[in-house]
Amino acid sequence: IKLARHFIGLQTLGLTLKRCYREMVMLLVFICVAMAIFSALSQLLENGLDLGTKNKDYASIPSACWWVIIS
């Protein structure tokens, strides 16, 4: 934060983030909703409705969510 006093680029970035706070929050909400939808969908597609074939990487929606995050 002390470096922002000396660099105009960091000051500009800080002002931009301060002015676009609502838009950034909305973007994060959209990303979280998309992540929840795609992790549930990937868990359903990989694990399937057949309980006999289990894929340990997609055993639950949170583990599929981790796959979505690292992808």
N, C-alpha and C. Protein backbone atom coordinates (compact mmCIF):
# COMPACT_ATOMS: atom_id res chain seq x y z
N ILE A 1 0.83 -1.19 0.00
CA ILE A 1 0.00 0.00 0.00
C ILE A 1 0.87 1.24 0.00
N LYS A 2 2.03 1.19 0.66
CA LYS A 2 2.92 2.34 0.67
C LYS A 2 3.52 2.60 -0.71
N LEU A 3 3.65 1.54 -1.53
CA LEU A 3 4.17 1.72 -2.87
C LEU A 3 3.20 2.48 -3.76
N ALA A 4 1.92 2.42 -3.44
CA ALA A 4 0.92 3.11 -4.26
C ALA A 4 1.10 4.62 -4.23
N ARG A 5 1.76 5.12 -3.21
CA ARG A 5 2.01 6.56 -3.15
C ARG A 5 2.98 7.02 -4.23
N HIS A 6 3.84 6.11 -4.65
CA HIS A 6 4.90 6.47 -5.57
C HIS A 6 4.64 6.07 -7.02
N PHE A 7 3.70 5.16 -7.24
CA PHE A 7 3.42 4.68 -8.58
C PHE A 7 2.03 5.11 -9.02
N ILE A 8 1.97 5.84 -10.12
CA ILE A 8 0.69 6.35 -10.62
C ILE A 8 -0.19 5.21 -11.11
N GLY A 9 0.42 4.16 -11.64
CA GLY A 9 -0.34 3.01 -12.12
C GLY A 9 -1.11 2.34 -11.00
N LEU A 10 -0.48 2.18 -9.84
CA LEU A 10 -1.16 1.57 -8.69
C LEU A 10 -2.24 2.49 -8.15
N GLN A 11 -2.01 3.79 -8.19
CA GLN A 11 -3.04 4.73 -7.76
C GLN A 11 -4.25 4.65 -8.68
N THR A 12 -3.99 4.56 -9.98
CA THR A 12 -5.08 4.46 -10.94
C THR A 12 -5.86 3.16 -10.75
N LEU A 13 -5.16 2.06 -10.51
CA LEU A 13 -5.81 0.79 -10.25
C LEU A 13 -6.68 0.86 -9.00
N GLY A 14 -6.17 1.48 -7.95
CA GLY A 14 -6.96 1.63 -6.73
C GLY A 14 -8.20 2.47 -6.93
N LEU A 15 -8.06 3.57 -7.65
CA LEU A 15 -9.23 4.41 -7.91
C LEU A 15 -10.26 3.69 -8.79
N THR A 16 -9.78 2.93 -9.75
CA THR A 16 -10.69 2.18 -10.62
C THR A 16 -11.46 1.14 -9.83
N LEU A 17 -10.76 0.40 -8.97
CA LEU A 17 -11.44 -0.60 -8.15
C LEU A 17 -12.42 0.04 -7.17
N LYS A 18 -12.07 1.22 -6.67
CA LYS A 18 -12.95 1.91 -5.75
C LYS A 18 -14.22 2.39 -6.45
N ARG A 19 -14.07 2.87 -7.67
CA ARG A 19 -15.22 3.39 -8.41
C ARG A 19 -16.09 2.28 -8.99
N CYS A 20 -15.51 1.14 -9.29
CA CYS A 20 -16.24 0.03 -9.91
C CYS A 20 -16.53 -1.09 -8.91
N TYR A 21 -16.73 -0.74 -7.66
CA TYR A 21 -16.95 -1.73 -6.61
C TYR A 21 -18.19 -2.58 -6.89
N ARG A 22 -19.30 -1.97 -7.25
CA ARG A 22 -20.55 -2.71 -7.49
C ARG A 22 -20.39 -3.67 -8.67
N GLU A 23 -19.75 -3.22 -9.72
CA GLU A 23 -19.57 -4.06 -10.89
C GLU A 23 -18.67 -5.25 -10.58
N MET A 24 -17.64 -5.04 -9.77
CA MET A 24 -16.75 -6.14 -9.39
C MET A 24 -17.48 -7.17 -8.53
N VAL A 25 -18.33 -6.70 -7.62
CA VAL A 25 -19.11 -7.62 -6.79
C VAL A 25 -20.08 -8.41 -7.67
N MET A 26 -20.71 -7.74 -8.62
CA MET A 26 -21.63 -8.42 -9.52
C MET A 26 -20.90 -9.46 -10.36
N LEU A 27 -19.70 -9.14 -10.82
CA LEU A 27 -18.90 -10.09 -11.58
C LEU A 27 -18.56 -11.32 -10.74
N LEU A 28 -18.18 -11.11 -9.48
CA LEU A 28 -17.87 -12.24 -8.60
C LEU A 28 -19.10 -13.09 -8.33
N VAL A 29 -20.27 -12.47 -8.19
CA VAL A 29 -21.50 -13.23 -7.98
C VAL A 29 -21.80 -14.09 -9.21
N PHE A 30 -21.66 -13.51 -10.41
CA PHE A 30 -21.90 -14.27 -11.63
C PHE A 30 -20.93 -15.44 -11.76
N ILE A 31 -19.68 -15.21 -11.41
CA ILE A 31 -18.68 -16.28 -11.48
C ILE A 31 -19.01 -17.38 -10.49
N CYS A 32 -19.44 -17.03 -9.29
CA CYS A 32 -19.78 -18.04 -8.28
C CYS A 32 -21.01 -18.85 -8.69
N VAL A 33 -22.00 -18.19 -9.27
CA VAL A 33 -23.20 -18.91 -9.73
C VAL A 33 -22.84 -19.85 -10.87
N ALA A 34 -22.04 -19.37 -11.82
CA ALA A 34 -21.63 -20.22 -12.93
C ALA A 34 -20.79 -21.39 -12.42
N MET A 35 -19.94 -21.15 -11.44
CA MET A 35 -19.12 -22.21 -10.88
C MET A 35 -19.99 -23.26 -10.20
N ALA A 36 -21.02 -22.85 -9.49
CA ALA A 36 -21.91 -23.81 -8.83
C ALA A 36 -22.69 -24.63 -9.86
N ILE A 37 -23.16 -23.99 -10.91
CA ILE A 37 -23.92 -24.71 -11.94
C ILE A 37 -23.02 -25.70 -12.67
N PHE A 38 -21.84 -25.27 -13.09
CA PHE A 38 -20.96 -26.16 -13.84
C PHE A 38 -20.37 -27.27 -12.98
N SER A 39 -20.16 -27.02 -11.69
CA SER A 39 -19.66 -28.10 -10.85
C SER A 39 -20.74 -29.15 -10.62
N ALA A 40 -21.98 -28.73 -10.44
CA ALA A 40 -23.07 -29.70 -10.30
C ALA A 40 -23.27 -30.48 -11.59
N LEU A 41 -23.18 -29.80 -12.72
CA LEU A 41 -23.33 -30.45 -14.01
C LEU A 41 -22.18 -31.42 -14.27
N SER A 42 -20.96 -31.03 -13.97
CA SER A 42 -19.83 -31.92 -14.18
C SER A 42 -19.89 -33.12 -13.25
N GLN A 43 -20.35 -32.93 -12.03
CA GLN A 43 -20.49 -34.05 -11.10
C GLN A 43 -21.54 -35.02 -11.61
N LEU A 44 -22.64 -34.51 -12.14
CA LEU A 44 -23.68 -35.37 -12.68
C LEU A 44 -23.20 -36.12 -13.92
N LEU A 45 -22.47 -35.44 -14.80
CA LEU A 45 -22.00 -36.08 -16.02
C LEU A 45 -20.89 -37.09 -15.75
N GLU A 46 -19.98 -36.79 -14.86
CA GLU A 46 -18.86 -37.69 -14.59
C GLU A 46 -19.27 -38.85 -13.69
N ASN A 47 -20.02 -38.57 -12.66
CA ASN A 47 -20.42 -39.61 -11.73
C ASN A 47 -21.65 -40.34 -12.24
N GLY A 48 -22.52 -39.62 -12.91
CA GLY A 48 -23.70 -40.22 -13.51
C GLY A 48 -24.76 -40.59 -12.50
N LEU A 49 -25.84 -41.06 -13.01
CA LEU A 49 -26.92 -41.51 -12.14
C LEU A 49 -26.73 -42.96 -11.71
N ASP A 50 -25.82 -43.67 -12.37
CA ASP A 50 -25.52 -45.05 -12.01
C ASP A 50 -24.59 -45.04 -10.81
N LEU A 51 -25.06 -45.57 -9.70
CA LEU A 51 -24.26 -45.54 -8.48
C LEU A 51 -23.17 -46.61 -8.47
N GLY A 52 -23.20 -47.54 -9.42
CA GLY A 52 -22.20 -48.60 -9.46
C GLY A 52 -20.84 -48.11 -9.94
N THR A 53 -20.82 -47.13 -10.82
CA THR A 53 -19.55 -46.61 -11.33
C THR A 53 -19.25 -45.29 -10.64
N LYS A 54 -18.37 -45.35 -9.69
CA LYS A 54 -18.01 -44.15 -8.92
C LYS A 54 -16.68 -43.59 -9.42
N ASN A 55 -16.63 -42.32 -9.64
CA ASN A 55 -15.39 -41.62 -9.96
C ASN A 55 -15.03 -40.82 -8.72
N LYS A 56 -13.92 -41.16 -8.08
CA LYS A 56 -13.57 -40.53 -6.81
C LYS A 56 -13.25 -39.04 -6.95
N ASP A 57 -12.85 -38.63 -8.16
CA ASP A 57 -12.55 -37.21 -8.36
C ASP A 57 -13.82 -36.37 -8.31
N TYR A 58 -14.94 -36.96 -8.65
CA TYR A 58 -16.22 -36.24 -8.68
C TYR A 58 -17.21 -36.87 -7.72
N ALA A 59 -16.76 -37.25 -6.54
CA ALA A 59 -17.62 -37.95 -5.60
C ALA A 59 -18.71 -37.04 -5.04
N SER A 60 -18.45 -35.75 -4.98
CA SER A 60 -19.44 -34.82 -4.45
C SER A 60 -19.37 -33.52 -5.24
N ILE A 61 -20.35 -32.68 -5.01
CA ILE A 61 -20.36 -31.39 -5.71
C ILE A 61 -19.20 -30.49 -5.26
N PRO A 62 -18.83 -30.45 -3.98
CA PRO A 62 -17.65 -29.64 -3.62
C PRO A 62 -16.35 -30.12 -4.26
N SER A 63 -16.18 -31.42 -4.43
CA SER A 63 -14.96 -31.89 -5.10
C SER A 63 -15.01 -31.56 -6.59
N ALA A 64 -16.20 -31.60 -7.20
CA ALA A 64 -16.34 -31.16 -8.58
C ALA A 64 -16.14 -29.65 -8.68
N CYS A 65 -16.53 -28.92 -7.65
CA CYS A 65 -16.30 -27.48 -7.61
C CYS A 65 -14.80 -27.18 -7.58
N TRP A 66 -14.03 -28.00 -6.88
CA TRP A 66 -12.59 -27.83 -6.87
C TRP A 66 -12.03 -28.04 -8.27
N TRP A 67 -12.57 -29.03 -9.01
CA TRP A 67 -12.14 -29.25 -10.38
C TRP A 67 -12.44 -28.02 -11.24
N VAL A 68 -13.59 -27.40 -11.03
CA VAL A 68 -13.95 -26.20 -11.79
C VAL A 68 -13.00 -25.06 -11.46
N ILE A 69 -12.62 -24.93 -10.21
CA ILE A 69 -11.72 -23.83 -9.80
C ILE A 69 -10.34 -24.01 -10.42
N ILE A 70 -9.79 -25.21 -10.38
CA ILE A 70 -8.43 -25.39 -10.89
C ILE A 70 -8.40 -25.48 -12.41
N SER A 71 -9.55 -25.67 -13.03
CA SER A 71 -9.57 -25.69 -14.49
C SER A 71 -9.61 -24.30 -15.02
